[in-house]
């Protein structure tokens, strides 16, 4: 019985902390742009980088260090 006297208040406090975190995330705009976050996974991070021709790199002599 003494275990319940500890566990019930701890569970209630943890539930209130979770509810408070959820309400804070709602008010701070965490869920405003759900479509953007869902589509961002399809964007290729390397698409913005210029293409490098591998043949040109292979034929160019590398500068020697003296």
C-alpha atoms as a PDB file:
ATOM      1  CA  UNK A   1       0.000   0.000   0.000  1.00  0.00           C
ATOM      2  CA  UNK A   2       2.844   2.387   0.657  1.00  0.00           C
ATOM      3  CA  UNK A   3       4.093   1.810  -2.885  1.00  0.00           C
ATOM      4  CA  UNK A   4       0.821   3.188  -4.256  1.00  0.00           C
ATOM      5  CA  UNK A   5       1.214   6.239  -2.057  1.00  0.00           C
ATOM      6  CA  UNK A   6       4.442   6.959  -3.988  1.00  0.00           C
ATOM      7  CA  UNK A   7       3.520   5.733  -7.460  1.00  0.00           C
ATOM      8  CA  UNK A   8       0.196   7.508  -7.911  1.00  0.00           C
ATOM      9  CA  UNK A   9       1.539  11.036  -7.215  1.00  0.00           C
ATOM     10  CA  UNK A  10       4.609  10.343  -9.356  1.00  0.00           C
ATOM     11  CA  UNK A  11       2.388   9.176 -12.231  1.00  0.00           C
ATOM     12  CA  UNK A  12       0.171  12.248 -11.897  1.00  0.00           C
ATOM     13  CA  UNK A  13       3.153  14.602 -11.880  1.00  0.00           C
ATOM     14  CA  UNK A  14       4.671  12.884 -14.926  1.00  0.00           C
ATOM     15  CA  UNK A  15       1.340  13.114 -16.748  1.00  0.00           C
ATOM     16  CA  UNK A  16       1.072  16.822 -15.973  1.00  0.00           C
ATOM     17  CA  UNK A  17       4.636  17.408 -17.167  1.00  0.00           C
ATOM     18  CA  UNK A  18       3.842  15.595 -20.419  1.00  0.00           C
ATOM     19  CA  UNK A  19       0.643  17.579 -20.866  1.00  0.00           C
ATOM     20  CA  UNK A  20       2.513  20.810 -20.182  1.00  0.00           C
ATOM     21  CA  UNK A  21       5.173  19.915 -22.762  1.00  0.00           C
ATOM     22  CA  UNK A  22       2.500  19.132 -25.335  1.00  0.00           C
ATOM     23  CA  UNK A  23       0.645  22.387 -24.698  1.00  0.00           C
ATOM     24  CA  UNK A  24       3.917  24.331 -24.883  1.00  0.00           C
ATOM     25  CA  UNK A  25       4.757  22.721 -28.237  1.00  0.00           C
ATOM     26  CA  UNK A  26       1.307  23.592 -29.567  1.00  0.00           C
ATOM     27  CA  UNK A  27       1.596  27.232 -28.513  1.00  0.00           C
ATOM     28  CA  UNK A  28       5.161  27.624 -29.848  1.00  0.00           C
ATOM     29  CA  UNK A  29       4.191  26.529 -33.363  1.00  0.00           C
ATOM     30  CA  UNK A  30       5.815  23.104 -33.553  1.00  0.00           C
ATOM     31  CA  UNK A  31       2.895  21.713 -35.578  1.00  0.00           C
ATOM     32  CA  UNK A  32       2.292  24.644 -37.945  1.00  0.00           C
ATOM     33  CA  UNK A  33       3.966  23.248 -41.100  1.00  0.00           C
ATOM     34  CA  UNK A  34       3.290  19.512 -41.235  1.00  0.00           C
ATOM     35  CA  UNK A  35       3.372  19.311 -45.042  1.00  0.00           C
ATOM     36  CA  UNK A  36       6.763  21.000 -45.289  1.00  0.00           C
ATOM     37  CA  UNK A  37       8.333  18.551 -42.887  1.00  0.00           C
ATOM     38  CA  UNK A  38       6.781  15.620 -44.732  1.00  0.00           C
ATOM     39  CA  UNK A  39       8.060  16.818 -48.124  1.00  0.00           C
ATOM     40  CA  UNK A  40      11.515  17.812 -46.893  1.00  0.00           C
ATOM     41  CA  UNK A  41      12.575  14.155 -46.782  1.00  0.00           C
ATOM     42  CA  UNK A  42      12.262  13.943 -50.572  1.00  0.00           C
ATOM     43  CA  UNK A  43      14.578  16.895 -51.265  1.00  0.00           C
ATOM     44  CA  UNK A  44      18.021  15.751 -52.336  1.00  0.00           C
ATOM     45  CA  UNK A  45      20.683  17.561 -50.334  1.00  0.00           C
ATOM     46  CA  UNK A  46      23.215  17.176 -53.155  1.00  0.00           C
ATOM     47  CA  UNK A  47      20.923  18.784 -55.752  1.00  0.00           C
ATOM     48  CA  UNK A  48      22.213  22.267 -54.891  1.00  0.00           C
ATOM     49  CA  UNK A  49      25.838  21.271 -55.387  1.00  0.00           C
ATOM     50  CA  UNK A  50      27.414  21.671 -58.853  1.00  0.00           C
ATOM     51  CA  UNK A  51      28.081  18.541 -60.852  1.00  0.00           C
ATOM     52  CA  UNK A  52      31.733  17.554 -61.191  1.00  0.00           C
ATOM     53  CA  UNK A  53      32.895  15.857 -64.362  1.00  0.00           C
ATOM     54  CA  UNK A  54      34.982  12.883 -63.263  1.00  0.00           C
ATOM     55  CA  UNK A  55      36.727  12.533 -66.649  1.00  0.00           C
ATOM     56  CA  UNK A  56      38.076  16.075 -66.467  1.00  0.00           C
ATOM     57  CA  UNK A  57      39.401  15.421 -62.997  1.00  0.00           C
ATOM     58  CA  UNK A  58      41.141  12.243 -64.126  1.00  0.00           C
ATOM     59  CA  UNK A  59      42.910  13.885 -67.090  1.00  0.00           C
ATOM     60  CA  UNK A  60      44.068  17.035 -65.295  1.00  0.00           C
ATOM     61  CA  UNK A  61      47.545  16.736 -63.797  1.00  0.00           C
ATOM     62  CA  UNK A  62      47.685  17.172 -60.076  1.00  0.00           C
ATOM     63  CA  UNK A  63      49.994  19.915 -58.836  1.00  0.00           C
ATOM     64  CA  UNK A  64      53.080  18.553 -57.172  1.00  0.00           C
ATOM     65  CA  UNK A  65      54.140  19.756 -53.773  1.00  0.00           C
ATOM     66  CA  UNK A  66      57.754  20.808 -53.516  1.00  0.00           C
END
